Amino acid sequence: MMEAHWVSRLGDFAYSVLEMRQLDLFSQTSGSAERCPSDEVAQPVIAVEAIEDDDLLAGLPHSGISDSVALAPEAGRRRLTAAIPALEALCRRFSGFGADRIVPEQAAAIDALAEIAGSGAAQALARLIGRRTVQGPCLRRAVGAAARLGAKLPAGTVMELLRHDDPTIRADACRFAQPSPEMVAQLRELLDDVQRPVRMAAAGALGLMGRNEVRPLLTRYLREAPSAQIIDAIVPVADEECIVLLGRVARTMPDLSAAALDALDAIDHPRALRILTEIGVPSSNG
């Protein structure tokens, strides 16, 4: 039967991949360069569209590079929540690799988890990050995906990420920050980061915590480089100047208009209510 054929093929291929990985690991000398299992010669990619969900799930954890980079995206495209453990297991197989380059199997699994979304995928990404299963470019990919899914990370892991050498990771890590004294102090340090996206992300995190000291920064960013993230961050610390700027964004920037109107509706201030009335949008504040 077709199902039996695919499972048998994937099982045989997985055994050969694992065997090659073991040989690679034990054949390295102390002076040799890191060899990733993804350096193996690619095998023909299987026709994933013809595979039933159960067979895809059975083959995914043990697939090699060419099959995994086909199977994982297919699991994401189908939004198979049942594939989350298999995708996480696929990432764990390559733990310790990828310090300075993408591991295709891990990248495919991370992207699939991001596409599946939901709390299960967010928790899987949090575990992969917290246990240092992914590193280098794949860590950057995982942190970004986890931030988009609203994952929760342990405070110690967040502090490590806020101090990471990669500015993209530092910026995304701000979205995991919690209002503890240590984390607030670290975010304040990042307000002087050499990279503007990191400074903006840190200001946004502090704004969401209601720290009024970042209002001038957020006001400037709202004027110079408005974004949905800056709009959300300014709501807890908004004053009348911020409200006026939000009204301007709502009127003149179609892509951000909905976010600005939601922000104005969330601000309990007479000026915000007046702007919503002028635009013709009913306010939930009355």
Protein backbone atom coordinates (compact mmCIF):
# COMPACT_ATOMS: atom_id res chain seq x y z
CA MET A 1 0.00 0.00 0.00
CA MET A 2 1.07 3.62 -0.58
CA GLU A 3 1.15 4.45 3.16
CA ALA A 4 3.35 1.49 3.98
CA HIS A 5 5.68 2.39 1.12
CA TRP A 6 6.20 5.95 2.37
CA VAL A 7 6.74 4.92 5.99
CA SER A 8 9.22 2.24 4.95
CA ARG A 9 11.09 4.66 2.69
CA LEU A 10 11.30 7.34 5.37
CA GLY A 11 12.36 4.83 8.00
CA ASP A 12 15.20 3.48 5.84
CA PHE A 13 16.33 6.98 4.98
CA ALA A 14 16.22 8.10 8.61
CA TYR A 15 18.41 5.16 9.65
CA SER A 16 21.02 6.05 7.04
CA VAL A 17 20.99 9.72 8.09
CA LEU A 18 21.48 8.86 11.75
CA GLU A 19 24.26 6.44 10.90
CA MET A 20 26.05 9.09 8.79
CA ARG A 21 25.64 11.61 11.62
CA GLN A 22 27.25 9.27 14.12
CA LEU A 23 30.17 8.66 11.79
CA ASP A 24 30.60 12.41 11.30
CA LEU A 25 30.53 13.17 15.01
CA PHE A 26 33.10 10.52 15.92
CA SER A 27 35.38 11.20 12.94
CA GLN A 28 35.99 14.89 13.72
CA THR A 29 39.36 15.91 15.06
CA SER A 30 39.88 18.77 17.47
CA GLY A 31 41.05 21.00 14.65
CA SER A 32 38.35 20.15 12.14
CA ALA A 33 35.53 22.48 11.19
CA GLU A 34 32.04 21.84 12.45
CA ARG A 35 30.13 19.52 10.16
CA CYS A 36 26.36 19.74 10.16
CA PRO A 37 24.23 16.74 9.18
CA SER A 38 22.65 19.06 6.64
CA ASP A 39 25.88 18.85 4.62
CA GLU A 40 24.81 15.40 3.45
CA VAL A 41 24.04 14.86 -0.23
CA ALA A 42 20.35 15.58 -0.77
CA GLN A 43 18.06 12.73 -1.73
CA PRO A 44 15.10 13.12 -4.09
CA VAL A 45 12.30 15.05 -2.42
CA ILE A 46 9.15 13.02 -1.80
CA ALA A 47 5.78 14.09 -3.20
CA VAL A 48 4.37 15.52 0.02
CA GLU A 49 1.00 16.41 -1.47
CA ALA A 50 0.21 12.70 -1.86
CA ILE A 51 0.98 11.79 1.74
CA GLU A 52 -1.77 11.34 4.30
CA ASP A 53 -1.50 13.32 7.54
CA ASP A 54 -0.66 10.24 9.62
CA ASP A 55 2.19 9.23 7.31
CA LEU A 56 3.55 12.77 7.26
CA LEU A 57 3.55 12.84 11.07
CA ALA A 58 5.23 9.42 11.26
CA GLY A 59 8.02 10.35 8.87
CA LEU A 60 8.75 13.91 9.95
CA PRO A 61 10.88 13.36 13.10
CA HIS A 62 13.39 11.11 11.30
CA SER A 63 13.51 12.67 7.85
CA GLY A 64 16.73 13.90 6.26
CA ILE A 65 17.45 17.29 4.78
CA SER A 66 15.62 17.08 1.46
CA ASP A 67 12.60 15.27 2.91
CA SER A 68 12.35 17.39 6.06
CA VAL A 69 12.44 20.66 4.13
CA ALA A 70 9.47 19.32 2.17
CA LEU A 71 7.57 17.64 5.00
CA ALA A 72 7.88 20.44 7.58
CA PRO A 73 6.46 23.20 5.34
CA GLU A 74 3.64 20.86 4.33
CA ALA A 75 2.80 20.33 8.01
CA GLY A 76 2.77 24.10 8.41
CA ARG A 77 0.64 24.62 5.31
CA ARG A 78 -1.91 22.12 6.63
CA ARG A 79 -1.66 23.72 10.10
CA LEU A 80 -1.29 20.31 11.70
CA THR A 81 -1.18 20.94 15.43
CA ALA A 82 -0.46 17.22 15.83
CA ALA A 83 2.86 17.87 14.05
CA ILE A 84 4.16 20.18 16.80
CA PRO A 85 5.92 17.41 18.81
CA ALA A 86 7.43 15.99 15.61
CA LEU A 87 8.70 19.41 14.50
CA GLU A 88 10.19 20.02 17.93
CA ALA A 89 11.85 16.59 17.80
CA LEU A 90 13.25 17.39 14.36
CA CYS A 91 14.91 20.51 15.79
CA ARG A 92 16.33 18.55 18.73
CA ARG A 93 18.03 16.07 16.38
CA PHE A 94 20.35 18.85 15.25
CA SER A 95 21.01 20.42 18.63
CA GLY A 96 24.58 21.68 18.83
CA PHE A 97 24.84 22.61 15.16
CA GLY A 98 24.36 25.90 13.37
CA ALA A 99 26.39 28.38 15.42
CA ASP A 100 27.25 30.35 12.30
CA ARG A 101 24.86 29.12 9.62
CA ILE A 102 21.30 28.00 9.01
CA VAL A 103 20.47 24.35 9.67
CA PRO A 104 17.80 23.77 6.97
CA GLU A 105 15.93 21.12 8.97
CA GLN A 106 15.64 23.40 12.00
CA ALA A 107 14.73 26.41 9.88
CA ALA A 108 11.97 24.46 8.14
CA ALA A 109 10.61 23.23 11.49
CA ILE A 110 10.67 26.71 13.04
CA ASP A 111 8.85 28.22 10.06
CA ALA A 112 6.25 25.43 10.23
CA LEU A 113 5.67 26.07 13.94
CA ALA A 114 5.21 29.77 13.21
CA GLU A 115 2.64 28.94 10.52
CA ILE A 116 0.75 26.45 12.71
CA ALA A 117 0.70 29.09 15.48
CA GLY A 118 -1.34 28.73 18.65
CA SER A 119 -0.21 28.15 22.22
CA GLY A 120 1.25 24.71 21.51
CA ALA A 121 3.57 26.03 18.80
CA ALA A 122 4.53 29.02 20.98
CA GLN A 123 5.43 26.72 23.87
CA ALA A 124 7.49 24.46 21.58
CA LEU A 125 9.48 27.44 20.33
CA ALA A 126 9.99 28.62 23.92
CA ARG A 127 11.41 25.21 24.86
CA LEU A 128 13.73 25.16 21.85
CA ILE A 129 15.06 28.60 22.81
CA GLY A 130 15.25 27.98 26.56
CA ARG A 131 17.09 24.67 26.16
CA ARG A 132 19.52 26.18 23.61
CA THR A 133 18.48 23.64 21.00
CA VAL A 134 18.82 26.30 18.32
CA GLN A 135 21.63 28.77 17.96
CA GLY A 136 23.07 31.26 15.52
CA PRO A 137 20.78 32.16 12.60
CA CYS A 138 18.18 29.59 13.68
CA LEU A 139 18.06 31.13 17.16
CA ARG A 140 17.32 34.48 15.53
CA ARG A 141 14.58 32.83 13.49
CA ALA A 142 13.10 31.06 16.54
CA VAL A 143 13.14 34.18 18.75
CA GLY A 144 11.37 36.20 16.07
CA ALA A 145 8.73 33.50 15.58
CA ALA A 146 8.23 33.07 19.33
CA ALA A 147 7.78 36.82 19.78
CA ARG A 148 5.16 36.95 17.02
CA LEU A 149 3.25 34.08 18.64
CA GLY A 150 3.35 35.71 22.09
CA ALA A 151 5.44 32.94 23.69
CA LYS A 152 6.52 33.23 27.31
CA LEU A 153 10.19 32.71 28.14
CA PRO A 154 11.88 32.27 31.54
CA ALA A 155 13.30 35.50 32.95
CA GLY A 156 16.86 34.17 32.80
CA THR A 157 16.52 33.32 29.12
CA VAL A 158 15.05 36.73 28.35
CA MET A 159 17.96 38.45 30.08
CA GLU A 160 20.43 36.42 28.03
CA LEU A 161 18.64 37.38 24.83
CA LEU A 162 18.51 41.06 25.78
CA ARG A 163 22.31 40.93 26.06
CA HIS A 164 22.87 38.90 22.90
CA ASP A 165 25.46 40.02 20.33
CA ASP A 166 22.87 39.87 17.53
CA PRO A 167 20.86 43.14 17.47
CA THR A 168 17.87 41.43 15.85
CA ILE A 169 17.70 39.04 18.79
CA ARG A 170 18.06 41.92 21.28
CA ALA A 171 15.20 43.77 19.62
CA ASP A 172 12.88 40.75 19.51
CA ALA A 173 13.78 39.85 23.09
CA CYS A 174 12.29 43.14 24.28
CA ARG A 175 8.88 41.72 23.42
CA PHE A 176 9.31 39.03 26.11
CA ALA A 177 10.29 41.49 28.84
CA GLN A 178 8.45 41.51 32.15
CA PRO A 179 8.35 44.45 34.62
CA SER A 180 10.94 43.16 37.05
CA PRO A 181 13.57 45.58 38.40
CA GLU A 182 16.41 43.71 36.69
CA MET A 183 14.65 43.60 33.34
CA VAL A 184 13.59 47.24 33.48
CA ALA A 185 17.21 48.19 34.19
CA GLN A 186 18.38 46.16 31.18
CA LEU A 187 15.76 47.74 28.93
CA ARG A 188 16.91 51.17 30.05
CA GLU A 189 20.45 50.25 29.03
CA LEU A 190 19.15 49.25 25.60
CA LEU A 191 17.71 52.74 25.14
CA ASP A 192 21.34 53.69 24.36
CA ASP A 193 21.97 50.71 22.08
CA VAL A 194 23.97 51.43 18.91
CA GLN A 195 21.14 49.97 16.80
CA ARG A 196 18.00 52.08 16.41
CA PRO A 197 15.60 49.09 16.10
CA VAL A 198 16.85 47.88 19.49
CA ARG A 199 16.35 51.32 21.04
CA MET A 200 12.83 51.48 19.63
CA ALA A 201 11.99 47.98 20.84
CA ALA A 202 13.28 48.76 24.34
CA ALA A 203 11.27 51.99 24.48
CA GLY A 204 8.20 50.08 23.31
CA ALA A 205 8.60 47.45 26.02
CA LEU A 206 8.96 50.12 28.71
CA GLY A 207 5.97 51.99 27.33
CA LEU A 208 3.81 48.88 27.57
CA MET A 209 4.89 48.67 31.22
CA GLY A 210 3.58 52.21 31.75
CA ARG A 211 7.02 53.78 32.27
CA ASN A 212 6.35 57.47 31.63
CA GLU A 213 10.04 58.29 31.23
CA VAL A 214 9.99 56.85 27.69
CA ARG A 215 7.05 58.99 26.55
CA PRO A 216 9.31 61.58 24.82
CA LEU A 217 11.09 58.81 22.93
CA LEU A 218 7.86 57.10 21.88
CA THR A 219 6.40 60.45 20.83
CA ARG A 220 9.41 61.08 18.62
CA TYR A 221 9.22 57.59 17.12
CA LEU A 222 5.49 58.02 16.50
CA ARG A 223 6.26 61.23 14.63
CA GLU A 224 9.31 59.98 12.69
CA ALA A 225 8.73 56.25 12.19
CA PRO A 226 5.19 55.24 13.17
CA SER A 227 4.40 51.54 13.38
CA ALA A 228 1.77 49.31 14.93
CA GLN A 229 4.24 48.39 17.70
CA ILE A 230 4.95 52.02 18.59
CA ILE A 231 1.23 52.81 18.54
CA ASP A 232 0.47 49.97 20.96
CA ALA A 233 3.35 50.96 23.23
CA ILE A 234 2.34 54.59 23.54
CA VAL A 235 -1.20 53.91 24.80
CA PRO A 236 -0.29 53.35 28.50
CA VAL A 237 1.78 56.57 28.65
CA ALA A 238 -0.10 58.79 26.18
CA ASP A 239 -0.57 62.48 26.88
CA GLU A 240 -2.43 65.06 24.77
CA GLU A 241 0.46 65.44 22.31
CA CYS A 242 0.48 61.69 21.71
CA ILE A 243 -3.29 61.74 21.18
CA VAL A 244 -2.98 64.47 18.55
CA LEU A 245 -0.28 62.48 16.74
CA LEU A 246 -2.43 59.33 16.85
CA GLY A 247 -5.28 61.30 15.30
CA ARG A 248 -2.97 62.45 12.53
CA VAL A 249 -1.87 58.87 11.87
CA ALA A 250 -5.49 57.70 11.82
CA ARG A 251 -6.39 60.33 9.22
CA THR A 252 -3.35 60.16 6.95
CA MET A 253 -1.89 56.63 7.08
CA PRO A 254 -4.34 53.99 5.82
CA ASP A 255 -2.06 51.09 6.77
CA LEU A 256 -1.95 52.23 10.40
CA SER A 257 -5.35 53.84 10.67
CA ALA A 258 -7.05 50.88 12.37
CA ALA A 259 -4.26 50.57 14.94
CA ALA A 260 -4.36 54.31 15.67
CA LEU A 261 -8.15 54.29 16.07
CA ASP A 262 -7.97 51.32 18.44
CA ALA A 263 -5.31 53.17 20.43
CA LEU A 264 -7.45 56.31 20.66
CA ASP A 265 -10.40 54.21 21.79
CA ALA A 266 -8.25 52.66 24.52
CA ILE A 267 -7.14 56.05 25.89
CA ASP A 268 -9.58 57.50 28.43
CA HIS A 269 -9.10 61.17 27.61
CA PRO A 270 -11.56 63.84 26.34
CA ARG A 271 -9.26 64.76 23.44
CA ALA A 272 -9.17 61.14 22.24
CA LEU A 273 -12.96 60.96 22.37
CA ARG A 274 -13.26 64.23 20.43
CA ILE A 275 -10.91 63.02 17.67
CA LEU A 276 -12.86 59.76 17.30
CA THR A 277 -16.08 61.74 17.07
CA GLU A 278 -14.62 64.04 14.41
CA ILE A 279 -13.48 61.04 12.37
CA GLY A 280 -16.89 59.44 12.80
CA VAL A 281 -15.85 56.42 14.82
CA PRO A 282 -17.91 55.45 17.89
CA SER A 283 -15.95 55.17 21.13
CA SER A 284 -16.37 52.39 23.65
CA ASN A 285 -15.64 54.99 26.34
CA GLY A 286 -18.91 56.67 25.75
